[in-house]
PDB file of N, CA and C in Angstrom:
ATOM      1  N   MET A   1      84.916  96.826 109.057  1.00  0.00           N
ATOM      2  CA  MET A   1      86.507  96.543 109.155  1.00  0.00           C
ATOM      3  C   MET A   1      87.011  97.624 108.652  1.00  0.00           C
ATOM      4  N   ILE A   2      88.176  98.385 109.246  1.00  0.00           N
ATOM      5  CA  ILE A   2      88.566  99.284 108.354  1.00  0.00           C
ATOM      6  C   ILE A   2      90.433  98.995 108.471  1.00  0.00           C
ATOM      7  N   THR A   3      91.009  99.274 107.062  1.00  0.00           N
ATOM      8  CA  THR A   3      92.079  99.335 106.821  1.00  0.00           C
ATOM      9  C   THR A   3      92.811 100.631 106.548  1.00  0.00           C
ATOM     10  N   ASP A   4      94.070 100.600 106.121  1.00  0.00           N
ATOM     11  CA  ASP A   4      94.601 101.915 105.650  1.00  0.00           C
ATOM     12  C   ASP A   4      93.671 102.376 104.626  1.00  0.00           C
ATOM     13  N   ASN A   5      93.365 101.728 103.439  1.00  0.00           N
ATOM     14  CA  ASN A   5      92.690 102.312 102.348  1.00  0.00           C
ATOM     15  C   ASN A   5      91.270 102.009 102.300  1.00  0.00           C
ATOM     16  N   TYR A   6      90.906 101.035 103.096  1.00  0.00           N
ATOM     17  CA  TYR A   6      89.226 100.207 102.892  1.00  0.00           C
ATOM     18  C   TYR A   6      88.618 100.556 104.122  1.00  0.00           C
ATOM     19  N   ILE A   7      87.150 100.654 103.594  1.00  0.00           N
ATOM     20  CA  ILE A   7      86.214  99.839 104.739  1.00  0.00           C
ATOM     21  C   ILE A   7      85.319  98.680 104.126  1.00  0.00           C
ATOM     22  N   PHE A   8      85.419  97.830 104.607  1.00  0.00           N
ATOM     23  CA  PHE A   8      84.461  96.994 104.768  1.00  0.00           C
ATOM     24  C   PHE A   8      83.554  96.819 105.369  1.00  0.00           C
ATOM     25  N   ILE A   9      82.188  96.234 104.871  1.00  0.00           N
ATOM     26  CA  ILE A   9      80.913  96.505 105.279  1.00  0.00           C
ATOM     27  C   ILE A   9      80.430  94.898 105.143  1.00  0.00           C
ATOM     28  N   TYR A  10      80.106  94.141 106.733  1.00  0.00           N
ATOM     29  CA  TYR A  10      79.692  93.075 106.841  1.00  0.00           C
ATOM     30  C   TYR A  10      78.228  93.141 107.255  1.00  0.00           C
ATOM     31  N   SER A  11      77.484  92.043 106.983  1.00  0.00           N
ATOM     32  CA  SER A  11      76.351  91.681 107.620  1.00  0.00           C
ATOM     33  C   SER A  11      76.152  91.516 108.750  1.00  0.00           C
ATOM     34  N   PRO A  12      75.233  92.317 109.965  1.00  0.00           N
ATOM     35  CA  PRO A  12      75.221  91.837 111.466  1.00  0.00           C
ATOM     36  C   PRO A  12      74.705  90.266 111.403  1.00  0.00           C
ATOM     37  N   PHE A  13      73.988  89.954 110.288  1.00  0.00           N
ATOM     38  CA  PHE A  13      72.979  88.844 110.604  1.00  0.00           C
ATOM     39  C   PHE A  13      73.601  87.406 110.410  1.00  0.00           C
ATOM     40  N   ILE A  14      74.370  87.598 109.145  1.00  0.00           N
ATOM     41  CA  ILE A  14      75.126  86.650 108.728  1.00  0.00           C
ATOM     42  C   ILE A  14      76.325  86.423 108.781  1.00  0.00           C
ATOM     43  N   SER A  15      77.036  87.296 109.140  1.00  0.00           N
ATOM     44  CA  SER A  15      78.434  87.655 109.310  1.00  0.00           C
ATOM     45  C   SER A  15      79.295  87.405 107.750  1.00  0.00           C
ATOM     46  N   THR A  16      79.040  87.891 107.144  1.00  0.00           N
ATOM     47  CA  THR A  16      79.220  87.581 105.590  1.00  0.00           C
ATOM     48  C   THR A  16      79.893  89.019 104.830  1.00  0.00           C
ATOM     49  N   TRP A  17      80.877  89.102 104.258  1.00  0.00           N
ATOM     50  CA  TRP A  17      81.362  90.423 103.641  1.00  0.00           C
ATOM     51  C   TRP A  17      80.170  90.655 102.686  1.00  0.00           C
ATOM     52  N   ARG A  18      79.805  92.300 102.431  1.00  0.00           N
ATOM     53  CA  ARG A  18      78.922  92.736 101.729  1.00  0.00           C
ATOM     54  C   ARG A  18      79.585  93.697 101.154  1.00  0.00           C
ATOM     55  N   LYS A  19      80.210  94.790 101.152  1.00  0.00           N
ATOM     56  CA  LYS A  19      80.346  95.965 100.351  1.00  0.00           C
ATOM     57  C   LYS A  19      81.613  96.241 100.754  1.00  0.00           C
ATOM     58  N   SER A  20      82.725  96.729  99.706  1.00  0.00           N
ATOM     59  CA  SER A  20      84.026  97.422 100.279  1.00  0.00           C
ATOM     60  C   SER A  20      84.032  99.013  99.674  1.00  0.00           C
ATOM     61  N   TYR A  21      84.765 100.061 100.451  1.00  0.00           N
ATOM     62  CA  TYR A  21      84.616 101.319  99.867  1.00  0.00           C
ATOM     63  C   TYR A  21      86.234 101.630 100.024  1.00  0.00           C
ATOM     64  N   LEU A  22      86.593 102.223  99.258  1.00  0.00           N
ATOM     65  CA  LEU A  22      88.048 103.165  98.968  1.00  0.00           C
ATOM     66  C   LEU A  22      87.721 104.188  99.656  1.00  0.00           C
ATOM     67  N   ILE A  23      88.495 104.511 100.779  1.00  0.00           N
ATOM     68  CA  ILE A  23      88.120 105.299 101.438  1.00  0.00           C
ATOM     69  C   ILE A  23      88.497 107.042 100.805  1.00  0.00           C
ATOM     70  N   GLU A  24      89.524 106.858 100.088  1.00  0.00           N
ATOM     71  CA  GLU A  24      89.640 107.978  99.259  1.00  0.00           C
ATOM     72  C   GLU A  24      88.392 108.636  98.259  1.00  0.00           C
ATOM     73  N   ASN A  25      87.752 107.579  98.037  1.00  0.00           N
ATOM     74  CA  ASN A  25      86.314 107.512  97.195  1.00  0.00           C
ATOM     75  C   ASN A  25      85.306 108.100  97.980  1.00  0.00           C
ATOM     76  N   ILE A  26      85.401 108.130  99.550  1.00  0.00           N
ATOM     77  CA  ILE A  26      84.034 108.214 100.023  1.00  0.00           C
ATOM     78  C   ILE A  26      83.909 109.858 100.783  1.00  0.00           C
ATOM     79  N   ILE A  27      82.967 110.279 100.315  1.00  0.00           N
ATOM     80  CA  ILE A  27      82.447 112.072 100.832  1.00  0.00           C
ATOM     81  C   ILE A  27      81.841 111.815 101.772  1.00  0.00           C
ATOM     82  N   SER A  28      80.873 110.738 102.438  1.00  0.00           N
ATOM     83  CA  SER A  28      80.268 111.168 103.820  1.00  0.00           C
ATOM     84  C   SER A  28      79.841 109.863 103.978  1.00  0.00           C
ATOM     85  N   ILE A  29      79.738 109.729 105.527  1.00  0.00           N
ATOM     86  CA  ILE A  29      79.290 108.840 106.185  1.00  0.00           C
ATOM     87  C   ILE A  29      78.283 109.246 107.096  1.00  0.00           C
ATOM     88  N   GLN A  30      76.821 108.822 107.311  1.00  0.00           N
ATOM     89  CA  GLN A  30      76.003 109.323 107.716  1.00  0.00           C
ATOM     90  C   GLN A  30      75.426 108.284 108.589  1.00  0.00           C
ATOM     91  N   TYR A  31      75.113 108.630 110.319  1.00  0.00           N
ATOM     92  CA  TYR A  31      74.568 107.428 110.854  1.00  0.00           C
ATOM     93  C   TYR A  31      72.939 107.995 111.262  1.00  0.00           C
ATOM     94  N   PHE A  32      72.116 107.420 111.239  1.00  0.00           N
ATOM     95  CA  PHE A  32      70.649 107.635 111.641  1.00  0.00           C
ATOM     96  C   PHE A  32      69.862 106.041 112.519  1.00  0.00           C
ATOM     97  N   LYS A  33      68.976 106.386 113.114  1.00  0.00           N
ATOM     98  CA  LYS A  33      68.520 105.316 113.472  1.00  0.00           C
ATOM     99  C   LYS A  33      66.953 105.088 112.721  1.00  0.00           C
ATOM    100  N   LYS A  34      66.624 103.797 112.402  1.00  0.00           N
ATOM    101  CA  LYS A  34      65.759 103.536 111.349  1.00  0.00           C
ATOM    102  C   LYS A  34      64.992 102.377 111.939  1.00  0.00           C
ATOM    103  N   LYS A  35      63.636 102.504 112.801  1.00  0.00           N
ATOM    104  CA  LYS A  35      63.134 101.737 113.737  1.00  0.00           C
ATOM    105  C   LYS A  35      63.849 101.464 114.941  1.00  0.00           C
ATOM    106  N   THR A  36      64.537 100.395 115.196  1.00  0.00           N
ATOM    107  CA  THR A  36      65.427  99.726 115.820  1.00  0.00           C
ATOM    108  C   THR A  36      66.901  99.821 115.865  1.00  0.00           C
ATOM    109  N   LEU A  37      66.998  99.513 113.954  1.00  0.00           N
ATOM    110  CA  LEU A  37      68.680  99.578 113.539  1.00  0.00           C
ATOM    111  C   LEU A  37      69.194 100.619 113.616  1.00  0.00           C
ATOM    112  N   GLY A  38      70.602 100.579 113.797  1.00  0.00           N
ATOM    113  CA  GLY A  38      71.322 101.872 113.506  1.00  0.00           C
ATOM    114  C   GLY A  38      71.754 101.684 111.875  1.00  0.00           C
ATOM    115  N   VAL A  39      71.677 102.672 110.982  1.00  0.00           N
ATOM    116  CA  VAL A  39      71.821 102.683 109.651  1.00  0.00           C
ATOM    117  C   VAL A  39      73.168 103.648 109.455  1.00  0.00           C
ATOM    118  N   LEU A  40      73.636 103.208 108.605  1.00  0.00           N
ATOM    119  CA  LEU A  40      74.671 104.083 107.975  1.00  0.00           C
ATOM    120  C   LEU A  40      74.323 104.182 106.490  1.00  0.00           C
ATOM    121  N   LYS A  41      74.707 105.550 105.930  1.00  0.00           N
ATOM    122  CA  LYS A  41      74.357 105.929 104.830  1.00  0.00           C
ATOM    123  C   LYS A  41      75.945 106.422 104.265  1.00  0.00           C
ATOM    124  N   PHE A  42      76.017 105.605 103.144  1.00  0.00           N
ATOM    125  CA  PHE A  42      77.475 105.887 102.435  1.00  0.00           C
ATOM    126  C   PHE A  42      77.289 106.674 101.370  1.00  0.00           C
ATOM    127  N   THR A  43      78.112 107.553 101.363  1.00  0.00           N
ATOM    128  CA  THR A  43      77.890 108.666 100.088  1.00  0.00           C
ATOM    129  C   THR A  43      79.541 108.594  99.393  1.00  0.00           C
ATOM    130  N   ASN A  44      79.366 107.997  98.062  1.00  0.00           N
ATOM    131  CA  ASN A  44      80.862 108.086  97.488  1.00  0.00           C
ATOM    132  C   ASN A  44      80.905 108.403  96.105  1.00  0.00           C
ATOM    133  N   MET A  45      81.952 108.327  95.341  1.00  0.00           N
ATOM    134  CA  MET A  45      82.443 108.539  94.103  1.00  0.00           C
ATOM    135  C   MET A  45      82.891 107.332  93.571  1.00  0.00           C
ATOM    136  N   ASN A  46      82.008 106.866  92.526  1.00  0.00           N
ATOM    137  CA  ASN A  46      82.110 105.831  91.823  1.00  0.00           C
ATOM    138  C   ASN A  46      82.503 105.923  90.021  1.00  0.00           C
ATOM    139  N   SER A  47      83.495 105.832  89.449  1.00  0.00           N
ATOM    140  CA  SER A  47      83.771 106.118  88.304  1.00  0.00           C
ATOM    141  C   SER A  47      82.813 107.428  87.746  1.00  0.00           C
ATOM    142  N   GLY A  48      83.397 108.901  88.437  1.00  0.00           N
ATOM    143  CA  GLY A  48      82.890 109.726  88.462  1.00  0.00           C
ATOM    144  C   GLY A  48      81.675 110.219  88.713  1.00  0.00           C
ATOM    145  N   GLN A  49      80.750 108.881  89.372  1.00  0.00           N
ATOM    146  CA  GLN A  49      79.336 109.280  89.863  1.00  0.00           C
ATOM    147  C   GLN A  49      79.348 109.390  91.279  1.00  0.00           C
ATOM    148  N   VAL A  50      78.519 110.282  91.779  1.00  0.00           N
ATOM    149  CA  VAL A  50      77.987 110.235  93.308  1.00  0.00           C
ATOM    150  C   VAL A  50      76.700 109.478  93.238  1.00  0.00           C
ATOM    151  N   GLU A  51      77.321 108.188  94.174  1.00  0.00           N
ATOM    152  CA  GLU A  51      76.508 107.185  94.785  1.00  0.00           C
ATOM    153  C   GLU A  51      76.282 107.006  96.319  1.00  0.00           C
ATOM    154  N   SER A  52      74.921 106.632  96.940  1.00  0.00           N
ATOM    155  CA  SER A  52      74.452 107.038  98.047  1.00  0.00           C
ATOM    156  C   SER A  52      74.015 105.197  98.470  1.00  0.00           C
ATOM    157  N   LYS A  53      74.753 104.740  99.549  1.00  0.00           N
ATOM    158  CA  LYS A  53      73.903 103.364  99.688  1.00  0.00           C
ATOM    159  C   LYS A  53      73.526 103.411 101.043  1.00  0.00           C
ATOM    160  N   LEU A  54      72.491 102.566 101.800  1.00  0.00           N
ATOM    161  CA  LEU A  54      72.321 102.462 103.190  1.00  0.00           C
ATOM    162  C   LEU A  54      72.706 101.149 103.462  1.00  0.00           C
ATOM    163  N   PHE A  55      73.084 100.948 104.498  1.00  0.00           N
ATOM    164  CA  PHE A  55      73.605  99.271 105.387  1.00  0.00           C
ATOM    165  C   PHE A  55      72.592  99.576 106.597  1.00  0.00           C
ATOM    166  N   ARG A  56      71.724  98.578 106.869  1.00  0.00           N
ATOM    167  CA  ARG A  56      71.258  98.535 108.209  1.00  0.00           C
ATOM    168  C   ARG A  56      72.006  97.676 109.047  1.00  0.00           C
ATOM    169  N   LEU A  57      73.030  97.961 110.157  1.00  0.00           N
ATOM    170  CA  LEU A  57      73.889  97.481 110.726  1.00  0.00           C
ATOM    171  C   LEU A  57      73.581  96.956 111.722  1.00  0.00           C
ATOM    172  N   GLY A  58      72.433  97.508 112.469  1.00  0.00           N
ATOM    173  CA  GLY A  58      72.299  97.466 113.604  1.00  0.00           C
ATOM    174  C   GLY A  58      73.324  98.135 114.922  1.00  0.00           C
ATOM    175  N   MET A  59      74.043  98.986 114.400  1.00  0.00           N
ATOM    176  CA  MET A  59      74.717  99.716 114.949  1.00  0.00           C
ATOM    177  C   MET A  59      74.590 100.857 116.068  1.00  0.00           C
ATOM    178  N   ASP A  60      74.803 100.900 117.245  1.00  0.00           N
ATOM    179  CA  ASP A  60      74.377 101.958 118.146  1.00  0.00           C
ATOM    180  C   ASP A  60      75.365 103.103 117.854  1.00  0.00           C
ATOM    181  N   ARG A  61      75.156 103.931 118.600  1.00  0.00           N
ATOM    182  CA  ARG A  61      75.802 105.407 118.724  1.00  0.00           C
ATOM    183  C   ARG A  61      77.309 105.416 118.778  1.00  0.00           C
ATOM    184  N   SER A  62      77.495 104.202 120.211  1.00  0.00           N
ATOM    185  CA  SER A  62      78.968 104.211 120.678  1.00  0.00           C
ATOM    186  C   SER A  62      79.745 103.412 119.697  1.00  0.00           C
ATOM    187  N   GLU A  63      79.345 102.661 118.639  1.00  0.00           N
ATOM    188  CA  GLU A  63      79.887 101.663 117.953  1.00  0.00           C
ATOM    189  C   GLU A  63      80.310 102.682 116.591  1.00  0.00           C
ATOM    190  N   TYR A  64      79.254 103.963 116.373  1.00  0.00           N
ATOM    191  CA  TYR A  64      79.252 104.535 115.349  1.00  0.00           C
ATOM    192  C   TYR A  64      80.502 105.571 115.491  1.00  0.00           C
ATOM    193  N   ASN A  65      80.631 105.849 117.159  1.00  0.00           N
ATOM    194  CA  ASN A  65      81.681 106.550 117.671  1.00  0.00           C
ATOM    195  C   ASN A  65      82.865 106.236 117.571  1.00  0.00           C
ATOM    196  N   ARG A  66      83.031 105.001 117.677  1.00  0.00           N
ATOM    197  CA  ARG A  66      84.145 104.416 117.513  1.00  0.00           C
ATOM    198  C   ARG A  66      84.641 104.410 116.028  1.00  0.00           C
ATOM    199  N   LEU A  67      83.809 104.141 115.269  1.00  0.00           N
ATOM    200  CA  LEU A  67      84.277 103.972 113.813  1.00  0.00           C
ATOM    201  C   LEU A  67      84.703 105.649 113.193  1.00  0.00           C
ATOM    202  N   LYS A  68      83.623 106.297 113.570  1.00  0.00           N
ATOM    203  CA  LYS A  68      84.639 107.667 113.673  1.00  0.00           C
ATOM    204  C   LYS A  68      85.663 108.273 114.189  1.00  0.00           C
ATOM    205  N   GLU A  69      86.053 107.831 115.272  1.00  0.00           N
ATOM    206  CA  GLU A  69      87.511 107.787 115.954  1.00  0.00           C
ATOM    207  C   GLU A  69      88.611 107.203 115.186  1.00  0.00           C
ATOM    208  N   SER A  70      88.062 106.188 114.523  1.00  0.00           N
ATOM    209  CA  SER A  70      89.186 104.991 114.018  1.00  0.00           C
ATOM    210  C   SER A  70      89.229 106.146 112.282  1.00  0.00           C
ATOM    211  N   MET A  71      88.377 106.586 111.519  1.00  0.00           N
ATOM    212  CA  MET A  71      88.464 107.253 110.589  1.00  0.00           C
ATOM    213  C   MET A  71      89.046 108.920 110.678  1.00  0.00           C
ATOM    214  N   ASN A  72      89.642 109.131 111.920  1.00  0.00           N
ATOM    215  CA  ASN A  72      90.282 110.496 112.238  1.00  0.00           C
ATOM    216  C   ASN A  72      91.362 110.311 110.930  1.00  0.00           C
ATOM    217  N   ASN A  73      91.485 111.557 110.600  1.00  0.00           N
ATOM    218  CA  ASN A  73      92.580 112.190 109.678  1.00  0.00           C
ATOM    219  C   ASN A  73      92.284 111.277 108.212  1.00  0.00           C
ATOM    220  N   LYS A  74      90.951 110.917 107.996  1.00  0.00           N
ATOM    221  CA  LYS A  74      90.739 109.907 106.891  1.00  0.00           C
ATOM    222  C   LYS A  74      90.006 110.763 105.672  1.00  0.00           C
ATOM    223  N   ASP A  75      89.761 112.611 106.097  1.00  0.00           N
ATOM    224  CA  ASP A  75      89.394 113.354 105.365  1.00  0.00           C
ATOM    225  C   ASP A  75      87.778 112.784 104.624  1.00  0.00           C
ATOM    226  N   VAL A  76      87.252 112.411 105.524  1.00  0.00           N
ATOM    227  CA  VAL A  76      85.719 111.955 105.394  1.00  0.00           C
ATOM    228  C   VAL A  76      84.995 112.517 106.381  1.00  0.00           C
ATOM    229  N   LEU A  77      83.730 113.258 105.799  1.00  0.00           N
ATOM    230  CA  LEU A  77      82.827 114.069 106.560  1.00  0.00           C
ATOM    231  C   LEU A  77      82.223 112.990 107.147  1.00  0.00           C
ATOM    232  N   MET A  78      81.760 113.010 108.746  1.00  0.00           N
ATOM    233  CA  MET A  78      81.121 111.866 109.269  1.00  0.00           C
ATOM    234  C   MET A  78      79.839 112.644 109.727  1.00  0.00           C
ATOM    235  N   THR A  79      78.733 112.365 110.070  1.00  0.00           N
ATOM    236  CA  THR A  79      77.696 113.107 110.978  1.00  0.00           C
ATOM    237  C   THR A  79      78.120 113.221 112.610  1.00  0.00           C
ATOM    238  N   ARG A  80      77.664 113.910 113.356  1.00  0.00           N
ATOM    239  CA  ARG A  80      77.671 113.868 114.577  1.00  0.00           C
ATOM    240  C   ARG A  80      76.936 112.420 115.414  1.00  0.00           C
TER     241      ARG A  80
END
């Protein structure tokens, strides 16, 4: 889920909230396939440190493209 300032990551298996990111702190979002699951890698700044985290979301390419469209004008680098 995306709001004006945050991205919220939910588990695809049990529909619970897992993590939130302040959009202004996100450096990049990368999409790739790992086995059969779509995986997102978030790279962000946290207290002056660069951190990366993987989320196995089962997201397909079309869902990623919708996420990318909704992030338009948010100044976040996103893979094709």
